[in-house]
Amino acid sequence: MALQSSGAISISQIQAELGGTYSLRALSAAAGFSTPDAMSEFYSYSASTTVYINAYIPNYVGCYQNYTFAATATNASATSSIPVNTTLTVSIGWNGDLGGYFSGYLFITAGSSCGSTGTSSGATNCAGEYVSIVNWSISPQSSGNQSYVSNIDFYGTAPC
């Protein structure tokens, strides 16, 4: 939760936002502020981080082949990996254009930024199917100062 944008701010409020017991210099450094230090630097400050969970799902499946589902955790700009605070469960349901369906789940373990699992396409049409609908979710939605958000469905090679 972000600190207030005006009025009195106490060291204990800043410590609660950043965690731990620190001096004003240590708190300012942890927040990325340079010297000289001032309490006013913390107006509207929030230590929370948005982590995008990106799913990697095959666009096409054929008969009796195995495929890999994967999910990665990236920073708010979705340009670099970021480890998650807790083990996330990513549930995926894949629907093909010819009526095929299969589902599964994978984990991104705490301290990691990528998780994958292989699955069989036995429930698809042997002529092959293209993705029609993908349903996926992540749980939990937040942990500590991280909020987990479903980002973009990617089709192609799994990154892990």
Protein backbone atom coordinates (compact mmCIF):
# COMPACT_ATOMS: atom_id res chain seq x y z
CA MET A 1 0.00 0.00 0.00
CA ALA A 2 1.44 3.37 -0.98
CA LEU A 3 2.29 6.03 1.58
CA GLN A 4 0.21 9.21 1.74
CA SER A 5 0.95 12.00 -0.70
CA SER A 6 1.03 14.82 1.88
CA GLY A 7 1.09 15.48 5.61
CA ALA A 8 3.33 13.96 8.25
CA ILE A 9 5.21 10.76 7.42
CA SER A 10 6.96 8.79 10.15
CA ILE A 11 9.98 6.51 9.96
CA SER A 12 7.75 3.65 11.18
CA GLN A 13 5.41 4.13 8.18
CA ILE A 14 8.36 4.00 5.79
CA GLN A 15 9.74 0.94 7.61
CA ALA A 16 6.35 -0.78 7.27
CA GLU A 17 6.35 -0.08 3.50
CA LEU A 18 9.94 -1.26 2.96
CA GLY A 19 10.19 -3.80 5.79
CA GLY A 20 12.87 -4.05 8.45
CA THR A 21 14.40 -1.51 10.79
CA TYR A 22 16.61 1.09 9.17
CA SER A 23 17.91 4.63 9.49
CA LEU A 24 16.53 7.30 7.17
CA ARG A 25 19.68 6.89 5.00
CA ALA A 26 19.19 3.11 4.77
CA LEU A 27 15.48 3.51 3.97
CA SER A 28 16.24 6.15 1.31
CA ALA A 29 18.89 3.93 -0.26
CA ALA A 30 16.53 0.91 -0.25
CA ALA A 31 13.95 3.03 -2.08
CA GLY A 32 16.56 4.18 -4.62
CA PHE A 33 16.84 7.77 -3.42
CA SER A 34 20.16 9.63 -3.33
CA THR A 35 21.48 11.97 -0.64
CA PRO A 36 20.63 14.34 0.90
CA ASP A 37 17.83 12.40 2.55
CA ALA A 38 14.43 13.88 3.30
CA MET A 39 11.22 12.43 4.64
CA SER A 40 9.34 14.22 1.84
CA GLU A 41 10.99 11.90 -0.72
CA PHE A 42 8.55 9.24 0.46
CA TYR A 43 5.34 11.07 -0.39
CA SER A 44 3.23 8.66 -2.52
CA TYR A 45 6.03 6.06 -2.44
CA SER A 46 5.06 2.39 -2.82
CA ALA A 47 7.36 -0.62 -2.58
CA SER A 48 4.86 -2.83 -4.39
CA THR A 49 5.91 -4.40 -7.68
CA THR A 50 3.74 -5.57 -10.55
CA VAL A 51 4.96 -8.89 -11.94
CA TYR A 52 3.55 -10.01 -15.29
CA ILE A 53 3.01 -13.73 -15.72
CA ASN A 54 3.35 -14.56 -19.42
CA ALA A 55 1.99 -17.88 -20.71
CA TYR A 56 3.70 -19.77 -23.52
CA ILE A 57 1.16 -21.99 -25.26
CA PRO A 58 1.42 -23.87 -28.58
CA ASN A 59 -0.62 -22.41 -31.43
CA TYR A 60 -0.88 -25.73 -33.27
CA VAL A 61 -1.03 -29.33 -32.04
CA GLY A 62 -1.01 -32.58 -33.97
CA CYS A 63 -1.90 -36.16 -33.16
CA TYR A 64 0.17 -38.06 -30.56
CA GLN A 65 2.74 -35.36 -30.04
CA ASN A 66 3.91 -33.83 -26.77
CA TYR A 67 3.96 -30.11 -26.13
CA THR A 68 5.40 -27.84 -23.49
CA PHE A 69 3.44 -25.20 -21.66
CA ALA A 70 5.49 -22.57 -19.86
CA ALA A 71 5.06 -19.35 -17.93
CA THR A 72 7.55 -16.65 -17.06
CA ALA A 73 7.59 -13.80 -14.57
CA THR A 74 8.77 -10.43 -15.89
CA ASN A 75 8.95 -6.87 -14.61
CA ALA A 76 6.35 -4.22 -15.38
CA SER A 77 7.91 -3.40 -18.75
CA ALA A 78 7.94 -7.17 -19.57
CA THR A 79 11.58 -6.90 -20.64
CA SER A 80 13.47 -8.81 -17.96
CA SER A 81 12.87 -11.77 -15.67
CA ILE A 82 12.02 -11.28 -12.03
CA PRO A 83 11.87 -14.04 -9.41
CA VAL A 84 8.50 -14.59 -7.75
CA ASN A 85 8.04 -14.33 -3.97
CA THR A 86 5.97 -17.49 -3.69
CA THR A 87 5.24 -20.60 -5.72
CA LEU A 88 2.62 -19.73 -8.34
CA THR A 89 0.21 -22.20 -9.90
CA VAL A 90 -0.60 -21.50 -13.55
CA SER A 91 -3.67 -23.37 -14.85
CA ILE A 92 -4.08 -23.68 -18.61
CA GLY A 93 -6.98 -24.94 -20.73
CA TRP A 94 -6.36 -25.31 -24.48
CA ASN A 95 -9.26 -25.54 -26.96
CA GLY A 96 -8.64 -26.42 -30.62
CA ASP A 97 -10.56 -25.20 -33.64
CA LEU A 98 -11.84 -28.75 -34.36
CA GLY A 99 -13.14 -29.37 -30.85
CA GLY A 100 -10.02 -30.79 -29.20
CA TYR A 101 -9.27 -29.88 -25.62
CA PHE A 102 -6.64 -30.51 -22.99
CA SER A 103 -5.69 -28.81 -19.76
CA GLY A 104 -2.98 -28.87 -17.16
CA TYR A 105 -1.08 -26.77 -14.72
CA LEU A 106 2.50 -25.81 -13.99
CA PHE A 107 4.39 -24.09 -11.22
CA ILE A 108 6.78 -21.17 -11.07
CA THR A 109 8.60 -21.94 -7.83
CA ALA A 110 9.46 -19.28 -5.26
CA GLY A 111 12.72 -17.55 -6.19
CA SER A 112 12.38 -18.57 -9.85
CA SER A 113 11.10 -16.70 -12.92
CA CYS A 114 10.16 -19.60 -15.21
CA GLY A 115 8.23 -22.85 -15.04
CA SER A 116 7.17 -25.42 -17.61
CA THR A 117 5.50 -28.77 -18.01
CA GLY A 118 5.02 -31.16 -20.90
CA THR A 119 1.61 -32.44 -21.90
CA SER A 120 0.24 -34.84 -24.47
CA SER A 121 -2.14 -33.78 -27.22
CA GLY A 122 -4.09 -37.06 -27.18
CA ALA A 123 -7.42 -35.21 -26.93
CA THR A 124 -6.97 -33.45 -30.26
CA ASN A 125 -8.02 -34.30 -33.79
CA CYS A 126 -5.29 -36.24 -35.59
CA ALA A 127 -5.66 -33.94 -38.59
CA GLY A 128 -4.18 -31.25 -36.34
CA GLU A 129 -5.75 -28.24 -34.70
CA TYR A 130 -5.02 -24.59 -34.26
CA VAL A 131 -5.75 -22.88 -30.97
CA SER A 132 -9.29 -21.55 -30.71
CA ILE A 133 -9.52 -20.46 -27.08
CA VAL A 134 -7.00 -20.48 -24.25
CA ASN A 135 -8.21 -20.17 -20.67
CA TRP A 136 -5.54 -19.63 -18.07
CA SER A 137 -5.23 -18.29 -14.57
CA ILE A 138 -2.62 -17.73 -11.88
CA SER A 139 -2.83 -18.27 -8.15
CA PRO A 140 -2.18 -16.55 -5.80
CA GLN A 141 -2.74 -13.05 -7.16
CA SER A 142 -0.19 -11.44 -4.82
CA SER A 143 2.54 -12.23 -2.34
CA GLY A 144 4.44 -9.78 -0.16
CA ASN A 145 5.12 -6.67 -2.21
CA GLN A 146 4.45 -8.44 -5.55
CA SER A 147 1.15 -8.34 -7.42
CA TYR A 148 0.82 -10.98 -10.15
CA VAL A 149 -0.95 -10.01 -13.37
CA SER A 150 -1.77 -12.14 -16.43
CA ASN A 151 -0.02 -10.51 -19.35
CA ILE A 152 0.04 -11.80 -22.93
CA ASP A 153 -0.50 -15.26 -24.41
CA PHE A 154 2.59 -16.15 -26.42
CA TYR A 155 2.59 -18.92 -29.00
CA GLY A 156 5.73 -20.74 -29.94
CA THR A 157 8.75 -22.22 -28.23
CA ALA A 158 8.67 -22.45 -24.46
CA PRO A 159 11.51 -20.48 -22.80
CA CYS A 160 12.19 -23.00 -20.01
